Amino acid sequence: VIRLARVMLAEDRPVAYLIDIIPDDVLSPRNLKDEFTGSVLD
């Protein structure tokens, strides 16, 4: 699986901590290099 853990900031302050667990046939690390800004859904 791919585990994504990240902190989201608003007004330079941490406001959310998000963790996603995704099967690696659905999403791979190389899919995240350029287009990932914090939302798996997007």
PDB file of all heavy atoms in Angstrom:
ATOM      1  N   VAL A   1       0.851  -1.187   0.000  1.00  0.00           N
ATOM      2  CA  VAL A   1       0.000   0.000   0.000  1.00  0.00           C
ATOM      3  C   VAL A   1       0.890   1.242   0.000  1.00  0.00           C
ATOM      4  O   VAL A   1       2.067   1.179   0.355  1.00  0.00           O
ATOM      5  CB  VAL A   1      -0.937   0.047   1.229  1.00  0.00           C
ATOM      6  CG1 VAL A   1      -1.936  -1.093   1.180  1.00  0.00           C
ATOM      7  CG2 VAL A   1      -0.143   0.032   2.534  1.00  0.00           C
ATOM      8  N   ILE A   2       0.297   2.348  -0.428  1.00  0.00           N
ATOM      9  CA  ILE A   2       0.953   3.641  -0.342  1.00  0.00           C
ATOM     10  C   ILE A   2       0.360   4.373   0.857  1.00  0.00           C
ATOM     11  O   ILE A   2      -0.860   4.496   0.975  1.00  0.00           O
ATOM     12  CB  ILE A   2       0.720   4.479  -1.617  1.00  0.00           C
ATOM     13  CG1 ILE A   2       1.163   3.704  -2.853  1.00  0.00           C
ATOM     14  CG2 ILE A   2       1.443   5.823  -1.515  1.00  0.00           C
ATOM     15  CD1 ILE A   2       2.623   3.334  -2.860  1.00  0.00           C
ATOM     16  N   ARG A   3       1.218   4.829   1.763  1.00  0.00           N
ATOM     17  CA  ARG A   3       0.767   5.625   2.892  1.00  0.00           C
ATOM     18  C   ARG A   3       1.217   7.063   2.686  1.00  0.00           C
ATOM     19  O   ARG A   3       2.407   7.344   2.543  1.00  0.00           O
ATOM     20  CB  ARG A   3       1.341   5.105   4.210  1.00  0.00           C
ATOM     21  CG  ARG A   3       0.629   3.876   4.742  1.00  0.00           C
ATOM     22  CD  ARG A   3       0.854   3.717   6.256  1.00  0.00           C
ATOM     23  NE  ARG A   3       0.378   2.409   6.689  1.00  0.00           N
ATOM     24  CZ  ARG A   3       1.132   1.331   6.801  1.00  0.00           C
ATOM     25  NH1 ARG A   3       2.407   1.406   6.508  1.00  0.00           N
ATOM     26  NH2 ARG A   3       0.634   0.184   7.200  1.00  0.00           N
ATOM     27  N   LEU A   4       0.256   7.961   2.665  1.00  0.00           N
ATOM     28  CA  LEU A   4       0.525   9.388   2.505  1.00  0.00           C
ATOM     29  C   LEU A   4       0.161  10.094   3.805  1.00  0.00           C
ATOM     30  O   LEU A   4      -0.994  10.054   4.223  1.00  0.00           O
ATOM     31  CB  LEU A   4      -0.321   9.972   1.375  1.00  0.00           C
ATOM     32  CG  LEU A   4       0.035   9.601  -0.057  1.00  0.00           C
ATOM     33  CD1 LEU A   4      -1.068  10.055  -0.991  1.00  0.00           C
ATOM     34  CD2 LEU A   4       1.336  10.253  -0.445  1.00  0.00           C
ATOM     35  N   ALA A   5       1.111  10.734   4.433  1.00  0.00           N
ATOM     36  CA  ALA A   5       0.843  11.501   5.656  1.00  0.00           C
ATOM     37  C   ALA A   5       1.360  12.913   5.435  1.00  0.00           C
ATOM     38  O   ALA A   5       2.522  13.098   5.059  1.00  0.00           O
ATOM     39  CB  ALA A   5       1.524  10.854   6.855  1.00  0.00           C
ATOM     40  N   ARG A   6       0.499  13.913   5.620  1.00  0.00           N
ATOM     41  CA  ARG A   6       0.932  15.288   5.393  1.00  0.00           C
ATOM     42  C   ARG A   6       0.189  16.249   6.297  1.00  0.00           C
ATOM     43  O   ARG A   6      -0.910  15.958   6.772  1.00  0.00           O
ATOM     44  CB  ARG A   6       0.768  15.717   3.932  1.00  0.00           C
ATOM     45  CG  ARG A   6      -0.655  15.802   3.424  1.00  0.00           C
ATOM     46  CD  ARG A   6      -1.136  14.477   2.939  1.00  0.00           C
ATOM     47  NE  ARG A   6      -2.432  14.548   2.272  1.00  0.00           N
ATOM     48  CZ  ARG A   6      -3.269  13.507   2.228  1.00  0.00           C
ATOM     49  NH1 ARG A   6      -2.981  12.374   2.822  1.00  0.00           N
ATOM     50  NH2 ARG A   6      -4.403  13.618   1.569  1.00  0.00           N
ATOM     51  N   VAL A   7       0.826  17.390   6.494  1.00  0.00           N
ATOM     52  CA  VAL A   7       0.259  18.481   7.274  1.00  0.00           C
ATOM     53  C   VAL A   7      -0.250  19.534   6.309  1.00  0.00           C
ATOM     54  O   VAL A   7       0.439  19.891   5.349  1.00  0.00           O
ATOM     55  CB  VAL A   7       1.316  19.094   8.217  1.00  0.00           C
ATOM     56  CG1 VAL A   7       0.754  20.300   8.953  1.00  0.00           C
ATOM     57  CG2 VAL A   7       1.828  18.054   9.206  1.00  0.00           C
ATOM     58  N   MET A   8      -1.462  20.038   6.548  1.00  0.00           N
ATOM     59  CA  MET A   8      -2.006  21.116   5.736  1.00  0.00           C
ATOM     60  C   MET A   8      -1.945  22.413   6.541  1.00  0.00           C
ATOM     61  O   MET A   8      -2.255  22.434   7.734  1.00  0.00           O
ATOM     62  CB  MET A   8      -3.443  20.814   5.317  1.00  0.00           C
ATOM     63  CG  MET A   8      -3.589  19.553   4.470  1.00  0.00           C
ATOM     64  SD  MET A   8      -2.598  19.563   2.945  1.00  0.00           S
ATOM     65  CE  MET A   8      -3.383  20.916   2.043  1.00  0.00           C
ATOM     66  N   LEU A   9      -1.538  23.485   5.858  1.00  0.00           N
ATOM     67  CA  LEU A   9      -1.332  24.772   6.500  1.00  0.00           C
ATOM     68  C   LEU A   9      -2.340  25.799   6.002  1.00  0.00           C
ATOM     69  O   LEU A   9      -2.700  25.806   4.823  1.00  0.00           O
ATOM     70  CB  LEU A   9       0.077  25.300   6.201  1.00  0.00           C
ATOM     71  CG  LEU A   9       1.260  24.361   6.454  1.00  0.00           C
ATOM     72  CD1 LEU A   9       2.542  24.978   5.926  1.00  0.00           C
ATOM     73  CD2 LEU A   9       1.401  24.070   7.946  1.00  0.00           C
ATOM     74  N   ALA A  10      -2.776  26.664   6.894  1.00  0.00           N
ATOM     75  CA  ALA A  10      -3.581  27.835   6.540  1.00  0.00           C
ATOM     76  C   ALA A  10      -3.034  28.997   7.354  1.00  0.00           C
ATOM     77  O   ALA A  10      -2.825  28.865   8.564  1.00  0.00           O
ATOM     78  CB  ALA A  10      -5.062  27.617   6.849  1.00  0.00           C
ATOM     79  N   GLU A  11      -2.780  30.115   6.671  1.00  0.00           N
ATOM     80  CA  GLU A  11      -2.205  31.285   7.342  1.00  0.00           C
ATOM     81  C   GLU A  11      -0.918  30.906   8.075  1.00  0.00           C
ATOM     82  O   GLU A  11      -0.666  31.333   9.198  1.00  0.00           O
ATOM     83  CB  GLU A  11      -3.231  31.906   8.299  1.00  0.00           C
ATOM     84  CG  GLU A  11      -4.505  32.350   7.593  1.00  0.00           C
ATOM     85  CD  GLU A  11      -5.574  32.875   8.537  1.00  0.00           C
ATOM     86  OE1 GLU A  11      -5.622  32.436   9.703  1.00  0.00           O
ATOM     87  OE2 GLU A  11      -6.354  33.739   8.113  1.00  0.00           O
ATOM     88  N   ASP A  12      -0.113  30.058   7.414  1.00  0.00           N
ATOM     89  CA  ASP A  12       1.188  29.612   7.941  1.00  0.00           C
ATOM     90  C   ASP A  12       1.077  28.852   9.252  1.00  0.00           C
ATOM     91  O   ASP A  12       2.035  28.811  10.033  1.00  0.00           O
ATOM     92  CB  ASP A  12       2.135  30.809   8.135  1.00  0.00           C
ATOM     93  CG  ASP A  12       2.455  31.502   6.827  1.00  0.00           C
ATOM     94  OD1 ASP A  12       2.636  30.792   5.820  1.00  0.00           O
ATOM     95  OD2 ASP A  12       2.513  32.743   6.803  1.00  0.00           O
ATOM     96  N   ARG A  13      -0.062  28.220   9.488  1.00  0.00           N
ATOM     97  CA  ARG A  13      -0.251  27.475  10.714  1.00  0.00           C
ATOM     98  C   ARG A  13      -0.825  26.100  10.399  1.00  0.00           C
ATOM     99  O   ARG A  13      -1.724  25.982   9.563  1.00  0.00           O
ATOM    100  CB  ARG A  13      -1.232  28.260  11.609  1.00  0.00           C
ATOM    101  CG  ARG A  13      -1.301  27.727  13.027  1.00  0.00           C
ATOM    102  CD  ARG A  13      -2.678  27.328  13.419  1.00  0.00           C
ATOM    103  NE  ARG A  13      -2.803  27.149  14.859  1.00  0.00           N
ATOM    104  CZ  ARG A  13      -2.393  26.069  15.526  1.00  0.00           C
ATOM    105  NH1 ARG A  13      -1.825  25.079  14.883  1.00  0.00           N
ATOM    106  NH2 ARG A  13      -2.561  25.981  16.828  1.00  0.00           N
ATOM    107  N   PRO A  14      -0.295  25.006  11.001  1.00  0.00           N
ATOM    108  CA  PRO A  14      -0.878  23.678  10.757  1.00  0.00           C
ATOM    109  C   PRO A  14      -2.329  23.629  11.231  1.00  0.00           C
ATOM    110  O   PRO A  14      -2.628  23.989  12.368  1.00  0.00           O
ATOM    111  CB  PRO A  14       0.002  22.751  11.614  1.00  0.00           C
ATOM    112  CG  PRO A  14       1.259  23.507  11.869  1.00  0.00           C
ATOM    113  CD  PRO A  14       0.868  24.947  11.911  1.00  0.00           C
ATOM    114  N   VAL A  15      -3.228  23.213  10.338  1.00  0.00           N
ATOM    115  CA  VAL A  15      -4.649  23.154  10.704  1.00  0.00           C
ATOM    116  C   VAL A  15      -5.243  21.763  10.514  1.00  0.00           C
ATOM    117  O   VAL A  15      -6.340  21.481  11.009  1.00  0.00           O
ATOM    118  CB  VAL A  15      -5.485  24.180   9.908  1.00  0.00           C
ATOM    119  CG1 VAL A  15      -5.044  25.590  10.236  1.00  0.00           C
ATOM    120  CG2 VAL A  15      -5.407  23.923   8.406  1.00  0.00           C
ATOM    121  N   ALA A  16      -4.543  20.891   9.792  1.00  0.00           N
ATOM    122  CA  ALA A  16      -5.057  19.535   9.577  1.00  0.00           C
ATOM    123  C   ALA A  16      -3.892  18.588   9.343  1.00  0.00           C
ATOM    124  O   ALA A  16      -2.858  18.976   8.778  1.00  0.00           O
ATOM    125  CB  ALA A  16      -6.018  19.490   8.387  1.00  0.00           C
ATOM    126  N   TYR A  17      -4.075  17.346   9.788  1.00  0.00           N
ATOM    127  CA  TYR A  17      -3.096  16.281   9.551  1.00  0.00           C
ATOM    128  C   TYR A  17      -3.849  15.143   8.894  1.00  0.00           C
ATOM    129  O   TYR A  17      -4.820  14.622   9.452  1.00  0.00           O
ATOM    130  CB  TYR A  17      -2.467  15.836  10.875  1.00  0.00           C
ATOM    131  CG  TYR A  17      -1.423  14.747  10.727  1.00  0.00           C
ATOM    132  CD1 TYR A  17      -0.401  14.851   9.801  1.00  0.00           C
ATOM    133  CD2 TYR A  17      -1.466  13.613  11.544  1.00  0.00           C
ATOM    134  CE1 TYR A  17       0.565  13.862   9.672  1.00  0.00           C
ATOM    135  CE2 TYR A  17      -0.508  12.624  11.434  1.00  0.00           C
ATOM    136  CZ  TYR A  17       0.509  12.754  10.491  1.00  0.00           C
ATOM    137  OH  TYR A  17       1.454  11.760  10.371  1.00  0.00           O
ATOM    138  N   LEU A  18      -3.427  14.777   7.679  1.00  0.00           N
ATOM    139  CA  LEU A  18      -4.160  13.818   6.859  1.00  0.00           C
ATOM    140  C   LEU A  18      -3.306  12.581   6.578  1.00  0.00           C
ATOM    141  O   LEU A  18      -2.130  12.693   6.245  1.00  0.00           O
ATOM    142  CB  LEU A  18      -4.556  14.459   5.524  1.00  0.00           C
ATOM    143  CG  LEU A  18      -5.206  15.848   5.588  1.00  0.00           C
ATOM    144  CD1 LEU A  18      -5.465  16.369   4.179  1.00  0.00           C
ATOM    145  CD2 LEU A  18      -6.477  15.821   6.406  1.00  0.00           C
ATOM    146  N   ILE A  19      -3.926  11.417   6.702  1.00  0.00           N
ATOM    147  CA  ILE A  19      -3.251  10.143   6.409  1.00  0.00           C
ATOM    148  C   ILE A  19      -4.148   9.329   5.481  1.00  0.00           C
ATOM    149  O   ILE A  19      -5.323   9.110   5.788  1.00  0.00           O
ATOM    150  CB  ILE A  19      -2.985   9.330   7.694  1.00  0.00           C
ATOM    151  CG1 ILE A  19      -2.185  10.161   8.709  1.00  0.00           C
ATOM    152  CG2 ILE A  19      -2.270   8.023   7.369  1.00  0.00           C
ATOM    153  CD1 ILE A  19      -2.135   9.540  10.093  1.00  0.00           C
ATOM    154  N   ASP A  20      -3.613   8.921   4.333  1.00  0.00           N
ATOM    155  CA  ASP A  20      -4.353   8.081   3.388  1.00  0.00           C
ATOM    156  C   ASP A  20      -3.595   6.787   3.160  1.00  0.00           C
ATOM    157  O   ASP A  20      -2.365   6.800   3.000  1.00  0.00           O
ATOM    158  CB  ASP A  20      -4.539   8.788   2.048  1.00  0.00           C
ATOM    159  CG  ASP A  20      -5.523   9.948   2.132  1.00  0.00           C
ATOM    160  OD1 ASP A  20      -5.192  10.961   2.761  1.00  0.00           O
ATOM    161  OD2 ASP A  20      -6.614   9.825   1.560  1.00  0.00           O
ATOM    162  N   ILE A  21      -4.329   5.662   3.132  1.00  0.00           N
ATOM    163  CA  ILE A  21      -3.755   4.359   2.810  1.00  0.00           C
ATOM    164  C   ILE A  21      -4.446   3.871   1.540  1.00  0.00           C
ATOM    165  O   ILE A  21      -5.672   3.722   1.511  1.00  0.00           O
ATOM    166  CB  ILE A  21      -3.946   3.346   3.962  1.00  0.00           C
ATOM    167  CG1 ILE A  21      -3.277   3.879   5.242  1.00  0.00           C
ATOM    168  CG2 ILE A  21      -3.338   2.008   3.592  1.00  0.00           C
ATOM    169  CD1 ILE A  21      -4.225   4.515   6.216  1.00  0.00           C
ATOM    170  N   ILE A  22      -3.646   3.633   0.485  1.00  0.00           N
ATOM    171  CA  ILE A  22      -4.179   3.352  -0.842  1.00  0.00           C
ATOM    172  C   ILE A  22      -3.479   2.131  -1.425  1.00  0.00           C
ATOM    173  O   ILE A  22      -2.242   2.029  -1.348  1.00  0.00           O
ATOM    174  CB  ILE A  22      -3.946   4.565  -1.770  1.00  0.00           C
ATOM    175  CG1 ILE A  22      -4.503   5.836  -1.137  1.00  0.00           C
ATOM    176  CG2 ILE A  22      -4.556   4.342  -3.146  1.00  0.00           C
ATOM    177  CD1 ILE A  22      -3.921   7.100  -1.693  1.00  0.00           C
ATOM    178  N   PRO A  23      -4.205   1.173  -2.024  1.00  0.00           N
ATOM    179  CA  PRO A  23      -3.544   0.040  -2.680  1.00  0.00           C
ATOM    180  C   PRO A  23      -2.584   0.542  -3.756  1.00  0.00           C
ATOM    181  O   PRO A  23      -2.887   1.512  -4.468  1.00  0.00           O
ATOM    182  CB  PRO A  23      -4.713  -0.735  -3.317  1.00  0.00           C
ATOM    183  CG  PRO A  23      -5.917  -0.331  -2.515  1.00  0.00           C
ATOM    184  CD  PRO A  23      -5.677   1.095  -2.126  1.00  0.00           C
ATOM    185  N   ASP A  24      -1.420  -0.099  -3.888  1.00  0.00           N
ATOM    186  CA  ASP A  24      -0.424   0.436  -4.817  1.00  0.00           C
ATOM    187  C   ASP A  24      -0.775   0.210  -6.283  1.00  0.00           C
ATOM    188  O   ASP A  24      -0.118   0.763  -7.167  1.00  0.00           O
ATOM    189  CB  ASP A  24       0.972  -0.109  -4.496  1.00  0.00           C
ATOM    190  CG  ASP A  24       1.140  -1.579  -4.837  1.00  0.00           C
ATOM    191  OD1 ASP A  24       0.118  -2.271  -5.067  1.00  0.00           O
ATOM    192  OD2 ASP A  24       2.289  -2.047  -4.860  1.00  0.00           O
ATOM    193  N   ASP A  25      -1.829  -0.593  -6.569  1.00  0.00           N
ATOM    194  CA  ASP A  25      -2.270  -0.699  -7.958  1.00  0.00           C
ATOM    195  C   ASP A  25      -3.220   0.446  -8.320  1.00  0.00           C
ATOM    196  O   ASP A  25      -3.568   0.634  -9.492  1.00  0.00           O
ATOM    197  CB  ASP A  25      -2.952  -2.044  -8.221  1.00  0.00           C
ATOM    198  CG  ASP A  25      -4.271  -2.196  -7.458  1.00  0.00           C
ATOM    199  OD1 ASP A  25      -4.321  -1.767  -6.289  1.00  0.00           O
ATOM    200  OD2 ASP A  25      -5.234  -2.733  -8.027  1.00  0.00           O
ATOM    201  N   VAL A  26      -3.623   1.232  -7.321  1.00  0.00           N
ATOM    202  CA  VAL A  26      -4.497   2.384  -7.550  1.00  0.00           C
ATOM    203  C   VAL A  26      -3.666   3.658  -7.685  1.00  0.00           C
ATOM    204  O   VAL A  26      -3.955   4.525  -8.512  1.00  0.00           O
ATOM    205  CB  VAL A  26      -5.510   2.537  -6.395  1.00  0.00           C
ATOM    206  CG1 VAL A  26      -6.318   3.827  -6.541  1.00  0.00           C
ATOM    207  CG2 VAL A  26      -6.438   1.334  -6.349  1.00  0.00           C
ATOM    208  N   LEU A  27      -2.627   3.767  -6.857  1.00  0.00           N
ATOM    209  CA  LEU A  27      -1.786   4.961  -6.867  1.00  0.00           C
ATOM    210  C   LEU A  27      -0.360   4.548  -6.536  1.00  0.00           C
ATOM    211  O   LEU A  27      -0.135   3.784  -5.609  1.00  0.00           O
ATOM    212  CB  LEU A  27      -2.296   5.967  -5.826  1.00  0.00           C
ATOM    213  CG  LEU A  27      -1.653   7.345  -5.817  1.00  0.00           C
ATOM    214  CD1 LEU A  27      -2.072   8.137  -7.061  1.00  0.00           C
ATOM    215  CD2 LEU A  27      -2.073   8.121  -4.564  1.00  0.00           C
ATOM    216  N   SER A  28       0.589   5.052  -7.299  1.00  0.00           N
ATOM    217  CA  SER A  28       1.993   4.742  -7.039  1.00  0.00           C
ATOM    218  C   SER A  28       2.739   6.024  -6.708  1.00  0.00           C
ATOM    219  O   SER A  28       2.297   7.126  -7.074  1.00  0.00           O
ATOM    220  CB  SER A  28       2.627   4.075  -8.261  1.00  0.00           C
ATOM    221  OG  SER A  28       2.713   4.990  -9.335  1.00  0.00           O
ATOM    222  N   PRO A  29       3.885   5.931  -6.027  1.00  0.00           N
ATOM    223  CA  PRO A  29       4.636   7.139  -5.659  1.00  0.00           C
ATOM    224  C   PRO A  29       4.988   8.020  -6.850  1.00  0.00           C
ATOM    225  O   PRO A  29       5.032   9.245  -6.723  1.00  0.00           O
ATOM    226  CB  PRO A  29       5.894   6.565  -4.994  1.00  0.00           C
ATOM    227  CG  PRO A  29       5.459   5.247  -4.435  1.00  0.00           C
ATOM    228  CD  PRO A  29       4.472   4.713  -5.445  1.00  0.00           C
ATOM    229  N   ARG A  30       5.230   7.428  -8.015  1.00  0.00           N
ATOM    230  CA  ARG A  30       5.603   8.249  -9.166  1.00  0.00           C
ATOM    231  C   ARG A  30       4.449   9.140  -9.641  1.00  0.00           C
ATOM    232  O   ARG A  30       4.678  10.161 -10.287  1.00  0.00           O
ATOM    233  CB  ARG A  30       6.100   7.376 -10.325  1.00  0.00           C
ATOM    234  CG  ARG A  30       5.065   6.444 -10.907  1.00  0.00           C
ATOM    235  CD  ARG A  30       5.635   5.685 -12.106  1.00  0.00           C
ATOM    236  NE  ARG A  30       4.704   4.695 -12.603  1.00  0.00           N
ATOM    237  CZ  ARG A  30       4.618   3.458 -12.163  1.00  0.00           C
ATOM    238  NH1 ARG A  30       5.439   3.058 -11.202  1.00  0.00           N
ATOM    239  NH2 ARG A  30       3.746   2.611 -12.677  1.00  0.00           N
ATOM    240  N   ASN A  31       3.202   8.743  -9.306  1.00  0.00           N
ATOM    241  CA  ASN A  31       2.056   9.588  -9.656  1.00  0.00           C
ATOM    242  C   ASN A  31       2.034  10.879  -8.839  1.00  0.00           C
ATOM    243  O   ASN A  31       1.298  11.813  -9.177  1.00  0.00           O
ATOM    244  CB  ASN A  31       0.732   8.855  -9.411  1.00  0.00           C
ATOM    245  CG  ASN A  31       0.578   7.608 -10.263  1.00  0.00           C
ATOM    246  OD1 ASN A  31       0.112   6.594  -9.784  1.00  0.00           O
ATOM    247  ND2 ASN A  31       0.960   7.691 -11.532  1.00  0.00           N
ATOM    248  N   LEU A  32       2.817  10.938  -7.776  1.00  0.00           N
ATOM    249  CA  LEU A  32       2.716  12.038  -6.820  1.00  0.00           C
ATOM    250  C   LEU A  32       3.827  13.072  -6.967  1.00  0.00           C
ATOM    251  O   LEU A  32       3.805  14.088  -6.284  1.00  0.00           O
ATOM    252  CB  LEU A  32       2.737  11.478  -5.397  1.00  0.00           C
ATOM    253  CG  LEU A  32       1.647  10.450  -5.078  1.00  0.00           C
ATOM    254  CD1 LEU A  32       1.935   9.784  -3.745  1.00  0.00           C
ATOM    255  CD2 LEU A  32       0.281  11.109  -5.053  1.00  0.00           C
ATOM    256  N   LYS A  33       4.769  12.841  -7.848  1.00  0.00           N
ATOM    257  CA  LYS A  33       5.954  13.698  -7.909  1.00  0.00           C
ATOM    258  C   LYS A  33       5.626  15.138  -8.282  1.00  0.00           C
ATOM    259  O   LYS A  33       6.133  16.079  -7.688  1.00  0.00           O
ATOM    260  CB  LYS A  33       6.971  13.121  -8.893  1.00  0.00           C
ATOM    261  CG  LYS A  33       7.667  11.865  -8.371  1.00  0.00           C
ATOM    262  CD  LYS A  33       8.743  11.390  -9.323  1.00  0.00           C
ATOM    263  CE  LYS A  33       9.461  10.161  -8.761  1.00  0.00           C
ATOM    264  NZ  LYS A  33      10.492   9.653  -9.691  1.00  0.00           N
ATOM    265  N   ASP A  34       4.768  15.314  -9.268  1.00  0.00           N
ATOM    266  CA  ASP A  34       4.536  16.660  -9.779  1.00  0.00           C
ATOM    267  C   ASP A  34       3.162  17.222  -9.434  1.00  0.00           C
ATOM    268  O   ASP A  34       3.016  18.425  -9.260  1.00  0.00           O
ATOM    269  CB  ASP A  34       4.702  16.681 -11.310  1.00  0.00           C
ATOM    270  CG  ASP A  34       6.092  16.235 -11.738  1.00  0.00           C
ATOM    271  OD1 ASP A  34       7.054  16.659 -11.076  1.00  0.00           O
ATOM    272  OD2 ASP A  34       6.202  15.468 -12.712  1.00  0.00           O
ATOM    273  N   GLU A  35       2.151  16.351  -9.339  1.00  0.00           N
ATOM    274  CA  GLU A  35       0.788  16.855  -9.257  1.00  0.00           C
ATOM    275  C   GLU A  35       0.201  16.879  -7.853  1.00  0.00           C
ATOM    276  O   GLU A  35      -0.896  17.396  -7.664  1.00  0.00           O
ATOM    277  CB  GLU A  35      -0.129  16.017 -10.159  1.00  0.00           C
ATOM    278  CG  GLU A  35      -0.109  14.533  -9.823  1.00  0.00           C
ATOM    279  CD  GLU A  35      -1.001  13.711 -10.747  1.00  0.00           C
ATOM    280  OE1 GLU A  35      -1.997  14.270 -11.241  1.00  0.00           O
ATOM    281  OE2 GLU A  35      -0.691  12.527 -10.972  1.00  0.00           O
ATOM    282  N   PHE A  36       0.904  16.385  -6.862  1.00  0.00           N
ATOM    283  CA  PHE A  36       0.299  16.268  -5.539  1.00  0.00           C
ATOM    284  C   PHE A  36       0.483  17.538  -4.730  1.00  0.00           C
ATOM    285  O   PHE A  36       1.596  17.979  -4.478  1.00  0.00           O
ATOM    286  CB  PHE A  36       0.896  15.081  -4.792  1.00  0.00           C
ATOM    287  CG  PHE A  36       0.184  14.770  -3.502  1.00  0.00           C
ATOM    288  CD1 PHE A  36      -1.163  14.444  -3.502  1.00  0.00           C
ATOM    289  CD2 PHE A  36       0.854  14.815  -2.294  1.00  0.00           C
ATOM    290  CE1 PHE A  36      -1.828  14.153  -2.318  1.00  0.00           C
ATOM    291  CE2 PHE A  36       0.204  14.527  -1.111  1.00  0.00           C
ATOM    292  CZ  PHE A  36      -1.144  14.191  -1.136  1.00  0.00           C
ATOM    293  N   THR A  37      -0.628  18.149  -4.324  1.00  0.00           N
ATOM    294  CA  THR A  37      -0.581  19.357  -3.489  1.00  0.00           C
ATOM    295  C   THR A  37      -1.225  19.126  -2.132  1.00  0.00           C
ATOM    296  O   THR A  37      -1.347  20.053  -1.336  1.00  0.00           O
ATOM    297  CB  THR A  37      -1.295  20.529  -4.185  1.00  0.00           C
ATOM    298  OG1 THR A  37      -2.656  20.164  -4.443  1.00  0.00           O
ATOM    299  CG2 THR A  37      -0.603  20.885  -5.489  1.00  0.00           C
ATOM    300  N   GLY A  38      -1.666  17.877  -1.869  1.00  0.00           N
ATOM    301  CA  GLY A  38      -2.235  17.563  -0.565  1.00  0.00           C
ATOM    302  C   GLY A  38      -3.508  16.761  -0.608  1.00  0.00           C
ATOM    303  O   GLY A  38      -3.886  16.155   0.385  1.00  0.00           O
ATOM    304  N   SER A  39      -4.199  16.725  -1.763  1.00  0.00           N
ATOM    305  CA  SER A  39      -5.493  16.039  -1.841  1.00  0.00           C
ATOM    306  C   SER A  39      -5.432  14.819  -2.753  1.00  0.00           C
ATOM    307  O   SER A  39      -5.214  14.944  -3.960  1.00  0.00           O
ATOM    308  CB  SER A  39      -6.578  16.999  -2.362  1.00  0.00           C
ATOM    309  OG  SER A  39      -7.772  16.284  -2.638  1.00  0.00           O
ATOM    310  N   VAL A  40      -5.637  13.652  -2.161  1.00  0.00           N
ATOM    311  CA  VAL A  40      -5.741  12.426  -2.952  1.00  0.00           C
ATOM    312  C   VAL A  40      -7.008  12.454  -3.802  1.00  0.00           C
ATOM    313  O   VAL A  40      -7.010  12.055  -4.966  1.00  0.00           O
ATOM    314  CB  VAL A  40      -5.741  11.188  -2.023  1.00  0.00           C
ATOM    315  CG1 VAL A  40      -6.082   9.923  -2.802  1.00  0.00           C
ATOM    316  CG2 VAL A  40      -4.395  11.037  -1.327  1.00  0.00           C
ATOM    317  N   LEU A  41      -8.087  12.957  -3.226  1.00  0.00           N
ATOM    318  CA  LEU A  41      -9.354  13.035  -3.954  1.00  0.00           C
ATOM    319  C   LEU A  41      -9.200  13.837  -5.244  1.00  0.00           C
ATOM    320  O   LEU A  41      -9.681  13.430  -6.304  1.00  0.00           O
ATOM    321  CB  LEU A  41     -10.431  13.669  -3.072  1.00  0.00           C
ATOM    322  CG  LEU A  41     -11.790  13.919  -3.737  1.00  0.00           C
ATOM    323  CD1 LEU A  41     -12.450  12.606  -4.137  1.00  0.00           C
ATOM    324  CD2 LEU A  41     -12.702  14.733  -2.819  1.00  0.00           C
ATOM    325  N   ASP A  42      -8.529  14.985  -5.168  1.00  0.00           N
ATOM    326  CA  ASP A  42      -8.358  15.819  -6.357  1.00  0.00           C
ATOM    327  C   ASP A  42      -7.543  15.104  -7.427  1.00  0.00           C
ATOM    328  O   ASP A  42      -7.801  15.262  -8.630  1.00  0.00           O
ATOM    329  CB  ASP A  42      -7.696  17.147  -5.981  1.00  0.00           C
ATOM    330  CG  ASP A  42      -8.659  18.083  -5.258  1.00  0.00           C
ATOM    331  OD1 ASP A  42      -9.872  17.791  -5.247  1.00  0.00           O
ATOM    332  OD2 ASP A  42      -8.197  19.098  -4.706  1.00  0.00           O
TER     333      ASP A  42
END
